[in-house]
């Protein structure tokens, strides 16, 4: 049974491929549509800056949003929510957790 994080990763990949299809990338318009649908509350807060956001996502300037560029968007939006740059109703504030190494041992922060 997949963990919550593994399920989240699967959902991100499915979300990307819903718009990217077999071509393996999203166009600017597909990316805007994905943001509007899948990040609806956040999109309301940046509706005027959508073109700029998509332009910033396209790091290599090829007018295609790759999977890694899309994942940067998802990570950036998550971090923005946690840093309260946007008021996110669905995302509870998460208290900092002690660092854990790969063997599950708690480390010093």
PDB file of N, CA and C in Angstrom:
ATOM      1  N   UNK A   1       0.846  -1.182   0.000  1.00  0.00           N
ATOM      2  CA  UNK A   1       0.000   0.000   0.000  1.00  0.00           C
ATOM      3  C   UNK A   1       0.889   1.242   0.000  1.00  0.00           C
ATOM      4  N   UNK A   2       0.659   2.149  -0.925  1.00  0.00           N
ATOM      5  CA  UNK A   2       1.513   3.349  -0.991  1.00  0.00           C
ATOM      6  C   UNK A   2       1.305   4.274   0.213  1.00  0.00           C
ATOM      7  N   UNK A   3       2.366   4.953   0.576  1.00  0.00           N
ATOM      8  CA  UNK A   3       2.284   5.945   1.650  1.00  0.00           C
ATOM      9  C   UNK A   3       1.576   7.190   1.126  1.00  0.00           C
ATOM     10  N   UNK A   4       1.249   8.104   2.028  1.00  0.00           N
ATOM     11  CA  UNK A   4       0.615   9.363   1.621  1.00  0.00           C
ATOM     12  C   UNK A   4       1.503  10.120   0.634  1.00  0.00           C
ATOM     13  N   UNK A   5       2.801  10.130   0.898  1.00  0.00           N
ATOM     14  CA  UNK A   5       3.723  10.849   0.005  1.00  0.00           C
ATOM     15  C   UNK A   5       3.796  10.189  -1.366  1.00  0.00           C
ATOM     16  N   UNK A   6       3.790   8.852  -1.395  1.00  0.00           N
ATOM     17  CA  UNK A   6       3.812   8.153  -2.681  1.00  0.00           C
ATOM     18  C   UNK A   6       2.531   8.420  -3.463  1.00  0.00           C
ATOM     19  N   UNK A   7       1.397   8.468  -2.768  1.00  0.00           N
ATOM     20  CA  UNK A   7       0.135   8.802  -3.430  1.00  0.00           C
ATOM     21  C   UNK A   7       0.167  10.231  -3.972  1.00  0.00           C
ATOM     22  N   UNK A   8       0.750  11.142  -3.198  1.00  0.00           N
ATOM     23  CA  UNK A   8       0.867  12.530  -3.656  1.00  0.00           C
ATOM     24  C   UNK A   8       1.731  12.605  -4.913  1.00  0.00           C
ATOM     25  N   UNK A   9       2.824  11.849  -4.931  1.00  0.00           N
ATOM     26  CA  UNK A   9       3.688  11.829  -6.110  1.00  0.00           C
ATOM     27  C   UNK A   9       2.936  11.292  -7.319  1.00  0.00           C
ATOM     28  N   UNK A  10       2.158  10.227  -7.119  1.00  0.00           N
ATOM     29  CA  UNK A  10       1.371   9.658  -8.215  1.00  0.00           C
ATOM     30  C   UNK A  10       0.376  10.685  -8.746  1.00  0.00           C
ATOM     31  N   UNK A  11      -0.267  11.417  -7.852  1.00  0.00           N
ATOM     32  CA  UNK A  11      -1.244  12.428  -8.268  1.00  0.00           C
ATOM     33  C   UNK A  11      -0.581  13.541  -9.057  1.00  0.00           C
ATOM     34  N   UNK A  12       0.624  13.951  -8.653  1.00  0.00           N
ATOM     35  CA  UNK A  12       1.346  14.979  -9.399  1.00  0.00           C
ATOM     36  C   UNK A  12       1.667  14.487 -10.806  1.00  0.00           C
ATOM     37  N   UNK A  13       2.130  13.249 -10.901  1.00  0.00           N
ATOM     38  CA  UNK A  13       2.463  12.699 -12.221  1.00  0.00           C
ATOM     39  C   UNK A  13       1.225  12.557 -13.097  1.00  0.00           C
ATOM     40  N   UNK A  14       0.132  12.087 -12.520  1.00  0.00           N
ATOM     41  CA  UNK A  14      -1.119  11.967 -13.281  1.00  0.00           C
ATOM     42  C   UNK A  14      -1.592  13.350 -13.724  1.00  0.00           C
ATOM     43  N   UNK A  15      -1.525  14.321 -12.812  1.00  0.00           N
ATOM     44  CA  UNK A  15      -1.921  15.686 -13.161  1.00  0.00           C
ATOM     45  C   UNK A  15      -1.109  16.239 -14.310  1.00  0.00           C
ATOM     46  N   UNK A  16       0.199  16.029 -14.266  1.00  0.00           N
ATOM     47  CA  UNK A  16       1.063  16.518 -15.350  1.00  0.00           C
ATOM     48  C   UNK A  16       0.702  15.837 -16.663  1.00  0.00           C
ATOM     49  N   UNK A  17       0.613  14.515 -16.649  1.00  0.00           N
ATOM     50  CA  UNK A  17       0.387  13.779 -17.893  1.00  0.00           C
ATOM     51  C   UNK A  17      -1.025  13.960 -18.447  1.00  0.00           C
ATOM     52  N   UNK A  18      -1.964  14.379 -17.616  1.00  0.00           N
ATOM     53  CA  UNK A  18      -3.306  14.708 -18.099  1.00  0.00           C
ATOM     54  C   UNK A  18      -3.221  15.827 -19.130  1.00  0.00           C
ATOM     55  N   UNK A  19      -2.349  16.786 -18.895  1.00  0.00           N
ATOM     56  CA  UNK A  19      -2.209  17.932 -19.799  1.00  0.00           C
ATOM     57  C   UNK A  19      -1.091  17.726 -20.819  1.00  0.00           C
ATOM     58  N   UNK A  20      -0.021  17.064 -20.416  1.00  0.00           N
ATOM     59  CA  UNK A  20       1.126  16.886 -21.304  1.00  0.00           C
ATOM     60  C   UNK A  20       0.870  15.817 -22.358  1.00  0.00           C
ATOM     61  N   UNK A  21       0.133  14.789 -21.974  1.00  0.00           N
ATOM     62  CA  UNK A  21      -0.127  13.700 -22.913  1.00  0.00           C
ATOM     63  C   UNK A  21       1.153  13.017 -23.357  1.00  0.00           C
ATOM     64  N   UNK A  22       1.097  12.421 -24.525  1.00  0.00           N
ATOM     65  CA  UNK A  22       2.240  11.669 -25.040  1.00  0.00           C
ATOM     66  C   UNK A  22       3.396  12.562 -25.475  1.00  0.00           C
ATOM     67  N   UNK A  23       3.128  13.839 -25.692  1.00  0.00           N
ATOM     68  CA  UNK A  23       4.205  14.722 -26.138  1.00  0.00           C
ATOM     69  C   UNK A  23       5.217  14.995 -25.026  1.00  0.00           C
ATOM     70  N   UNK A  24       4.824  14.764 -23.749  1.00  0.00           N
ATOM     71  CA  UNK A  24       5.763  14.851 -22.637  1.00  0.00           C
ATOM     72  C   UNK A  24       6.022  16.239 -22.084  1.00  0.00           C
ATOM     73  N   UNK A  25       5.257  17.224 -22.512  1.00  0.00           N
ATOM     74  CA  UNK A  25       5.382  18.586 -21.984  1.00  0.00           C
ATOM     75  C   UNK A  25       4.036  19.275 -22.094  1.00  0.00           C
ATOM     76  N   UNK A  26       3.896  20.374 -21.342  1.00  0.00           N
ATOM     77  CA  UNK A  26       2.686  21.187 -21.445  1.00  0.00           C
ATOM     78  C   UNK A  26       3.018  22.454 -22.220  1.00  0.00           C
ATOM     79  N   UNK A  27       2.072  22.903 -22.996  1.00  0.00           N
ATOM     80  CA  UNK A  27       2.208  24.225 -23.604  1.00  0.00           C
ATOM     81  C   UNK A  27       1.910  25.254 -22.513  1.00  0.00           C
ATOM     82  N   UNK A  28       2.168  26.511 -22.812  1.00  0.00           N
ATOM     83  CA  UNK A  28       1.867  27.578 -21.851  1.00  0.00           C
ATOM     84  C   UNK A  28       0.375  27.572 -21.489  1.00  0.00           C
ATOM     85  N   UNK A  29      -0.487  27.419 -22.492  1.00  0.00           N
ATOM     86  CA  UNK A  29      -1.937  27.422 -22.249  1.00  0.00           C
ATOM     87  C   UNK A  29      -2.363  26.218 -21.427  1.00  0.00           C
ATOM     88  N   UNK A  30      -1.786  25.049 -21.718  1.00  0.00           N
ATOM     89  CA  UNK A  30      -2.105  23.852 -20.929  1.00  0.00           C
ATOM     90  C   UNK A  30      -1.659  24.033 -19.476  1.00  0.00           C
ATOM     91  N   UNK A  31      -0.520  24.651 -19.293  1.00  0.00           N
ATOM     92  CA  UNK A  31      -0.017  24.891 -17.940  1.00  0.00           C
ATOM     93  C   UNK A  31      -0.926  25.854 -17.182  1.00  0.00           C
ATOM     94  N   UNK A  32      -1.358  26.911 -17.849  1.00  0.00           N
ATOM     95  CA  UNK A  32      -2.285  27.859 -17.212  1.00  0.00           C
ATOM     96  C   UNK A  32      -3.582  27.156 -16.817  1.00  0.00           C
ATOM     97  N   UNK A  33      -4.079  26.304 -17.712  1.00  0.00           N
ATOM     98  CA  UNK A  33      -5.308  25.566 -17.433  1.00  0.00           C
ATOM     99  C   UNK A  33      -5.101  24.613 -16.246  1.00  0.00           C
ATOM    100  N   UNK A  34      -3.972  23.936 -16.200  1.00  0.00           N
ATOM    101  CA  UNK A  34      -3.663  23.030 -15.086  1.00  0.00           C
ATOM    102  C   UNK A  34      -3.593  23.787 -13.763  1.00  0.00           C
ATOM    103  N   UNK A  35      -2.966  24.948 -13.771  1.00  0.00           N
ATOM    104  CA  UNK A  35      -2.869  25.760 -12.553  1.00  0.00           C
ATOM    105  C   UNK A  35      -4.258  26.194 -12.111  1.00  0.00           C
ATOM    106  N   UNK A  36      -5.060  26.654 -13.064  1.00  0.00           N
ATOM    107  CA  UNK A  36      -6.407  27.127 -12.750  1.00  0.00           C
ATOM    108  C   UNK A  36      -7.287  26.012 -12.186  1.00  0.00           C
ATOM    109  N   UNK A  37      -7.161  24.809 -12.724  1.00  0.00           N
ATOM    110  CA  UNK A  37      -7.991  23.679 -12.287  1.00  0.00           C
ATOM    111  C   UNK A  37      -7.470  23.068 -10.987  1.00  0.00           C
ATOM    112  N   UNK A  38      -6.184  22.798 -10.935  1.00  0.00           N
ATOM    113  CA  UNK A  38      -5.637  22.023  -9.825  1.00  0.00           C
ATOM    114  C   UNK A  38      -5.149  22.860  -8.646  1.00  0.00           C
ATOM    115  N   UNK A  39      -4.975  24.136  -8.868  1.00  0.00           N
ATOM    116  CA  UNK A  39      -4.576  25.049  -7.794  1.00  0.00           C
ATOM    117  C   UNK A  39      -5.539  26.227  -7.776  1.00  0.00           C
ATOM    118  N   UNK A  40      -6.837  25.921  -7.784  1.00  0.00           N
ATOM    119  CA  UNK A  40      -7.874  26.936  -7.984  1.00  0.00           C
ATOM    120  C   UNK A  40      -7.805  28.079  -6.974  1.00  0.00           C
ATOM    121  N   UNK A  41      -7.708  27.771  -5.685  1.00  0.00           N
ATOM    122  CA  UNK A  41      -7.653  28.840  -4.683  1.00  0.00           C
ATOM    123  C   UNK A  41      -6.400  29.685  -4.836  1.00  0.00           C
ATOM    124  N   UNK A  42      -5.287  29.045  -5.139  1.00  0.00           N
ATOM    125  CA  UNK A  42      -4.047  29.790  -5.315  1.00  0.00           C
ATOM    126  C   UNK A  42      -4.083  30.613  -6.597  1.00  0.00           C
ATOM    127  N   UNK A  43      -4.704  30.059  -7.641  1.00  0.00           N
ATOM    128  CA  UNK A  43      -4.776  30.768  -8.921  1.00  0.00           C
ATOM    129  C   UNK A  43      -5.543  32.076  -8.785  1.00  0.00           C
ATOM    130  N   UNK A  44      -6.549  32.098  -7.894  1.00  0.00           N
ATOM    131  CA  UNK A  44      -7.301  33.332  -7.668  1.00  0.00           C
ATOM    132  C   UNK A  44      -6.382  34.438  -7.152  1.00  0.00           C
ATOM    133  N   UNK A  45      -5.411  34.056  -6.333  1.00  0.00           N
ATOM    134  CA  UNK A  45      -4.498  35.036  -5.748  1.00  0.00           C
ATOM    135  C   UNK A  45      -3.442  35.545  -6.724  1.00  0.00           C
ATOM    136  N   UNK A  46      -3.234  34.799  -7.808  1.00  0.00           N
ATOM    137  CA  UNK A  46      -2.195  35.242  -8.746  1.00  0.00           C
ATOM    138  C   UNK A  46      -2.725  35.347 -10.168  1.00  0.00           C
ATOM    139  N   UNK A  47      -4.038  35.519 -10.317  1.00  0.00           N
ATOM    140  CA  UNK A  47      -4.624  35.522 -11.653  1.00  0.00           C
ATOM    141  C   UNK A  47      -3.997  36.566 -12.566  1.00  0.00           C
ATOM    142  N   UNK A  48      -3.662  37.724 -12.029  1.00  0.00           N
ATOM    143  CA  UNK A  48      -3.051  38.768 -12.847  1.00  0.00           C
ATOM    144  C   UNK A  48      -1.614  38.481 -13.214  1.00  0.00           C
ATOM    145  N   UNK A  49      -0.992  37.560 -12.500  1.00  0.00           N
ATOM    146  CA  UNK A  49       0.420  37.272 -12.724  1.00  0.00           C
ATOM    147  C   UNK A  49       0.625  35.912 -13.388  1.00  0.00           C
ATOM    148  N   UNK A  50      -0.430  35.324 -13.937  1.00  0.00           N
ATOM    149  CA  UNK A  50      -0.339  33.973 -14.494  1.00  0.00           C
ATOM    150  C   UNK A  50       0.675  33.875 -15.621  1.00  0.00           C
ATOM    151  N   UNK A  51       0.672  34.831 -16.562  1.00  0.00           N
ATOM    152  CA  UNK A  51       1.647  34.791 -17.661  1.00  0.00           C
ATOM    153  C   UNK A  51       3.070  34.857 -17.126  1.00  0.00           C
ATOM    154  N   UNK A  52       3.286  35.735 -16.168  1.00  0.00           N
ATOM    155  CA  UNK A  52       4.617  35.864 -15.583  1.00  0.00           C
ATOM    156  C   UNK A  52       5.029  34.574 -14.874  1.00  0.00           C
ATOM    157  N   UNK A  53       4.095  33.960 -14.159  1.00  0.00           N
ATOM    158  CA  UNK A  53       4.378  32.714 -13.450  1.00  0.00           C
ATOM    159  C   UNK A  53       4.792  31.628 -14.440  1.00  0.00           C
ATOM    160  N   UNK A  54       4.039  31.471 -15.518  1.00  0.00           N
ATOM    161  CA  UNK A  54       4.354  30.442 -16.513  1.00  0.00           C
ATOM    162  C   UNK A  54       5.680  30.751 -17.200  1.00  0.00           C
ATOM    163  N   UNK A  55       5.951  31.995 -17.462  1.00  0.00           N
ATOM    164  CA  UNK A  55       7.230  32.382 -18.055  1.00  0.00           C
ATOM    165  C   UNK A  55       8.385  32.012 -17.132  1.00  0.00           C
ATOM    166  N   UNK A  56       8.218  32.279 -15.837  1.00  0.00           N
ATOM    167  CA  UNK A  56       9.259  31.925 -14.872  1.00  0.00           C
ATOM    168  C   UNK A  56       9.445  30.416 -14.773  1.00  0.00           C
ATOM    169  N   UNK A  57       8.366  29.663 -14.932  1.00  0.00           N
ATOM    170  CA  UNK A  57       8.461  28.201 -14.888  1.00  0.00           C
ATOM    171  C   UNK A  57       9.300  27.661 -16.029  1.00  0.00           C
ATOM    172  N   UNK A  58       9.185  28.278 -17.186  1.00  0.00           N
ATOM    173  CA  UNK A  58       9.876  27.804 -18.387  1.00  0.00           C
ATOM    174  C   UNK A  58      11.352  28.205 -18.308  1.00  0.00           C
ATOM    175  N   UNK A  59      12.076  27.526 -17.448  1.00  0.00           N
ATOM    176  CA  UNK A  59      13.455  27.894 -17.116  1.00  0.00           C
ATOM    177  C   UNK A  59      14.355  27.920 -18.350  1.00  0.00           C
ATOM    178  N   UNK A  60      14.208  26.945 -19.240  1.00  0.00           N
ATOM    179  CA  UNK A  60      15.092  26.893 -20.404  1.00  0.00           C
ATOM    180  C   UNK A  60      14.565  27.693 -21.599  1.00  0.00           C
ATOM    181  N   UNK A  61      13.412  28.343 -21.459  1.00  0.00           N
ATOM    182  CA  UNK A  61      12.898  29.245 -22.486  1.00  0.00           C
ATOM    183  C   UNK A  61      12.439  28.590 -23.772  1.00  0.00           C
ATOM    184  N   UNK A  62      12.048  27.307 -23.717  1.00  0.00           N
ATOM    185  CA  UNK A  62      11.630  26.630 -24.939  1.00  0.00           C
ATOM    186  C   UNK A  62      10.117  26.672 -25.170  1.00  0.00           C
ATOM    187  N   UNK A  63       9.391  27.448 -24.356  1.00  0.00           N
ATOM    188  CA  UNK A  63       7.932  27.564 -24.438  1.00  0.00           C
ATOM    189  C   UNK A  63       7.214  26.241 -24.191  1.00  0.00           C
ATOM    190  N   UNK A  64       7.871  25.341 -23.481  1.00  0.00           N
ATOM    191  CA  UNK A  64       7.292  24.059 -23.089  1.00  0.00           C
ATOM    192  C   UNK A  64       7.536  23.898 -21.591  1.00  0.00           C
ATOM    193  N   UNK A  65       6.527  23.438 -20.876  1.00  0.00           N
ATOM    194  CA  UNK A  65       6.676  23.191 -19.444  1.00  0.00           C
ATOM    195  C   UNK A  65       6.929  21.702 -19.267  1.00  0.00           C
ATOM    196  N   UNK A  66       8.158  21.374 -18.870  1.00  0.00           N
ATOM    197  CA  UNK A  66       8.544  19.977 -18.678  1.00  0.00           C
ATOM    198  C   UNK A  66       8.053  19.478 -17.324  1.00  0.00           C
ATOM    199  N   UNK A  67       8.197  18.201 -17.096  1.00  0.00           N
ATOM    200  CA  UNK A  67       7.807  17.620 -15.814  1.00  0.00           C
ATOM    201  C   UNK A  67       8.598  18.269 -14.683  1.00  0.00           C
ATOM    202  N   UNK A  68       9.897  18.429 -14.847  1.00  0.00           N
ATOM    203  CA  UNK A  68      10.687  19.021 -13.760  1.00  0.00           C
ATOM    204  C   UNK A  68      10.307  20.477 -13.522  1.00  0.00           C
ATOM    205  N   UNK A  69       9.962  21.211 -14.572  1.00  0.00           N
ATOM    206  CA  UNK A  69       9.510  22.592 -14.397  1.00  0.00           C
ATOM    207  C   UNK A  69       8.164  22.624 -13.674  1.00  0.00           C
ATOM    208  N   UNK A  70       7.275  21.688 -14.009  1.00  0.00           N
ATOM    209  CA  UNK A  70       5.981  21.587 -13.340  1.00  0.00           C
ATOM    210  C   UNK A  70       6.154  21.233 -11.865  1.00  0.00           C
ATOM    211  N   UNK A  71       7.062  20.320 -11.574  1.00  0.00           N
ATOM    212  CA  UNK A  71       7.303  19.927 -10.183  1.00  0.00           C
ATOM    213  C   UNK A  71       7.889  21.090  -9.383  1.00  0.00           C
ATOM    214  N   UNK A  72       8.676  21.944 -10.028  1.00  0.00           N
ATOM    215  CA  UNK A  72       9.167  23.158  -9.355  1.00  0.00           C
ATOM    216  C   UNK A  72       7.998  24.059  -8.972  1.00  0.00           C
ATOM    217  N   UNK A  73       7.010  24.161  -9.852  1.00  0.00           N
ATOM    218  CA  UNK A  73       5.801  24.932  -9.544  1.00  0.00           C
ATOM    219  C   UNK A  73       5.116  24.362  -8.308  1.00  0.00           C
ATOM    220  N   UNK A  74       4.912  23.048  -8.288  1.00  0.00           N
ATOM    221  CA  UNK A  74       4.215  22.403  -7.164  1.00  0.00           C
ATOM    222  C   UNK A  74       4.973  22.618  -5.862  1.00  0.00           C
ATOM    223  N   UNK A  75       6.277  22.453  -5.901  1.00  0.00           N
ATOM    224  CA  UNK A  75       7.091  22.677  -4.702  1.00  0.00           C
ATOM    225  C   UNK A  75       7.072  24.127  -4.267  1.00  0.00           C
ATOM    226  N   UNK A  76       7.171  25.031  -5.221  1.00  0.00           N
ATOM    227  CA  UNK A  76       7.147  26.459  -4.899  1.00  0.00           C
ATOM    228  C   UNK A  76       5.830  26.899  -4.297  1.00  0.00           C
ATOM    229  N   UNK A  77       4.730  26.389  -4.831  1.00  0.00           N
ATOM    230  CA  UNK A  77       3.421  26.738  -4.283  1.00  0.00           C
ATOM    231  C   UNK A  77       3.247  26.167  -2.881  1.00  0.00           C
ATOM    232  N   UNK A  78       3.735  24.963  -2.663  1.00  0.00           N
ATOM    233  CA  UNK A  78       3.661  24.361  -1.329  1.00  0.00           C
ATOM    234  C   UNK A  78       4.457  25.182  -0.333  1.00  0.00           C
ATOM    235  N   UNK A  79       5.653  25.561  -0.719  1.00  0.00           N
ATOM    236  CA  UNK A  79       6.498  26.370   0.166  1.00  0.00           C
ATOM    237  C   UNK A  79       5.861  27.734   0.431  1.00  0.00           C
ATOM    238  N   UNK A  80       5.268  28.338  -0.598  1.00  0.00           N
ATOM    239  CA  UNK A  80       4.614  29.632  -0.424  1.00  0.00           C
ATOM    240  C   UNK A  80       3.466  29.519   0.577  1.00  0.00           C
ATOM    241  N   UNK A  81       2.719  28.422   0.493  1.00  0.00           N
ATOM    242  CA  UNK A  81       1.616  28.227   1.440  1.00  0.00           C
ATOM    243  C   UNK A  81       2.147  28.089   2.860  1.00  0.00           C
ATOM    244  N   UNK A  82       3.180  27.325   3.014  1.00  0.00           N
ATOM    245  CA  UNK A  82       3.734  27.108   4.348  1.00  0.00           C
ATOM    246  C   UNK A  82       4.363  28.380   4.907  1.00  0.00           C
ATOM    247  N   UNK A  83       4.861  29.231   4.027  1.00  0.00           N
ATOM    248  CA  UNK A  83       5.444  30.501   4.447  1.00  0.00           C
ATOM    249  C   UNK A  83       4.392  31.599   4.533  1.00  0.00           C
ATOM    250  N   UNK A  84       3.134  31.213   4.329  1.00  0.00           N
ATOM    251  CA  UNK A  84       1.986  32.116   4.432  1.00  0.00           C
ATOM    252  C   UNK A  84       2.022  33.271   3.445  1.00  0.00           C
ATOM    253  N   UNK A  85       2.690  33.074   2.302  1.00  0.00           N
ATOM    254  CA  UNK A  85       2.630  34.089   1.254  1.00  0.00           C
ATOM    255  C   UNK A  85       1.222  34.154   0.690  1.00  0.00           C
ATOM    256  N   UNK A  86       0.529  33.021   0.725  1.00  0.00           N
ATOM    257  CA  UNK A  86      -0.873  32.958   0.352  1.00  0.00           C
ATOM    258  C   UNK A  86      -1.617  32.367   1.527  1.00  0.00           C
ATOM    259  N   UNK A  87      -2.834  32.757   1.693  1.00  0.00           N
ATOM    260  CA  UNK A  87      -3.675  32.171   2.732  1.00  0.00           C
ATOM    261  C   UNK A  87      -4.323  30.919   2.139  1.00  0.00           C
ATOM    262  N   UNK A  88      -3.850  29.776   2.538  1.00  0.00           N
ATOM    263  CA  UNK A  88      -4.347  28.518   1.982  1.00  0.00           C
ATOM    264  C   UNK A  88      -5.285  27.864   2.969  1.00  0.00           C
ATOM    265  N   UNK A  89      -6.528  27.755   2.594  1.00  0.00           N
ATOM    266  CA  UNK A  89      -7.526  27.164   3.479  1.00  0.00           C
ATOM    267  C   UNK A  89      -7.298  25.670   3.656  1.00  0.00           C
ATOM    268  N   UNK A  90      -6.879  24.984   2.597  1.00  0.00           N
ATOM    269  CA  UNK A  90      -6.775  23.541   2.672  1.00  0.00           C
ATOM    270  C   UNK A  90      -5.483  23.073   3.326  1.00  0.00           C
ATOM    271  N   UNK A  91      -4.471  23.893   3.388  1.00  0.00           N
ATOM    272  CA  UNK A  91      -3.175  23.427   3.865  1.00  0.00           C
ATOM    273  C   UNK A  91      -2.915  23.925   5.283  1.00  0.00           C
ATOM    274  N   UNK A  92      -2.959  23.021   6.255  1.00  0.00           N
ATOM    275  CA  UNK A  92      -2.675  23.446   7.625  1.00  0.00           C
ATOM    276  C   UNK A  92      -1.201  23.790   7.771  1.00  0.00           C
ATOM    277  N   UNK A  93      -0.915  24.708   8.650  1.00  0.00           N
ATOM    278  CA  UNK A  93       0.480  25.020   8.939  1.00  0.00           C
ATOM    279  C   UNK A  93       1.107  23.794   9.576  1.00  0.00           C
ATOM    280  N   UNK A  94       2.275  23.443   9.112  1.00  0.00           N
ATOM    281  CA  UNK A  94       2.952  22.253   9.620  1.00  0.00           C
ATOM    282  C   UNK A  94       4.107  22.695  10.501  1.00  0.00           C
ATOM    283  N   UNK A  95       4.109  22.265  11.773  1.00  0.00           N
ATOM    284  CA  UNK A  95       5.217  22.649  12.630  1.00  0.00           C
ATOM    285  C   UNK A  95       6.505  21.982  12.150  1.00  0.00           C
ATOM    286  N   UNK A  96       7.652  22.647  12.333  1.00  0.00           N
ATOM    287  CA  UNK A  96       8.916  22.044  11.910  1.00  0.00           C
ATOM    288  C   UNK A  96       9.127  20.720  12.629  1.00  0.00           C
ATOM    289  N   UNK A  97       9.600  19.741  11.901  1.00  0.00           N
ATOM    290  CA  UNK A  97       9.864  18.415  12.460  1.00  0.00           C
ATOM    291  C   UNK A  97      11.371  18.217  12.576  1.00  0.00           C
ATOM    292  N   UNK A  98      11.811  17.437  13.585  1.00  0.00           N
ATOM    293  CA  UNK A  98      13.240  17.147  13.673  1.00  0.00           C
ATOM    294  C   UNK A  98      13.692  16.404  12.425  1.00  0.00           C
ATOM    295  N   UNK A  99      14.881  16.691  11.981  1.00  0.00           N
ATOM    296  CA  UNK A  99      15.421  16.015  10.813  1.00  0.00           C
ATOM    297  C   UNK A  99      15.539  14.525  11.102  1.00  0.00           C
ATOM    298  N   UNK A 100      15.231  13.701  10.105  1.00  0.00           N
ATOM    299  CA  UNK A 100      15.320  12.260  10.250  1.00  0.00           C
ATOM    300  C   UNK A 100      16.208  11.731   9.144  1.00  0.00           C
ATOM    301  N   UNK A 101      17.184  10.898   9.508  1.00  0.00           N
ATOM    302  CA  UNK A 101      18.050  10.339   8.475  1.00  0.00           C
ATOM    303  C   UNK A 101      17.337   9.185   7.786  1.00  0.00           C
ATOM    304  N   UNK A 102      17.966   8.596   6.790  1.00  0.00           N
ATOM    305  CA  UNK A 102      17.328   7.560   6.002  1.00  0.00           C
ATOM    306  C   UNK A 102      17.013   6.305   6.812  1.00  0.00           C
ATOM    307  N   UNK A 103      17.660   6.111   7.960  1.00  0.00           N
ATOM    308  CA  UNK A 103      17.391   4.950   8.803  1.00  0.00           C
ATOM    309  C   UNK A 103      16.297   5.236   9.820  1.00  0.00           C
ATOM    310  N   UNK A 104      15.735   6.453   9.777  1.00  0.00           N
ATOM    311  CA  UNK A 104      14.644   6.795  10.665  1.00  0.00           C
ATOM    312  C   UNK A 104      15.070   7.328  12.026  1.00  0.00           C
ATOM    313  N   UNK A 105      16.363   7.613  12.182  1.00  0.00           N
ATOM    314  CA  UNK A 105      16.843   8.137  13.460  1.00  0.00           C
ATOM    315  C   UNK A 105      16.697   9.640  13.473  1.00  0.00           C
ATOM    316  N   UNK A 106      16.254  10.182  14.597  1.00  0.00           N
ATOM    317  CA  UNK A 106      16.107  11.626  14.736  1.00  0.00           C
ATOM    318  C   UNK A 106      17.489  12.250  14.835  1.00  0.00           C
ATOM    319  N   UNK A 107      17.648  13.353  14.108  1.00  0.00           N
ATOM    320  CA  UNK A 107      18.909  14.084  14.153  1.00  0.00           C
ATOM    321  C   UNK A 107      18.744  15.420  14.809  1.00  0.00           C
ATOM    322  N   UNK A 108      19.855  16.098  15.029  1.00  0.00           N
ATOM    323  CA  UNK A 108      19.811  17.441  15.597  1.00  0.00           C
ATOM    324  C   UNK A 108      19.551  18.431  14.496  1.00  0.00           C
ATOM    325  N   UNK A 109      18.782  19.440  14.815  1.00  0.00           N
ATOM    326  CA  UNK A 109      18.493  20.479  13.842  1.00  0.00           C
ATOM    327  C   UNK A 109      19.321  21.687  14.078  1.00  0.00           C
TER     328      UNK A 109
END
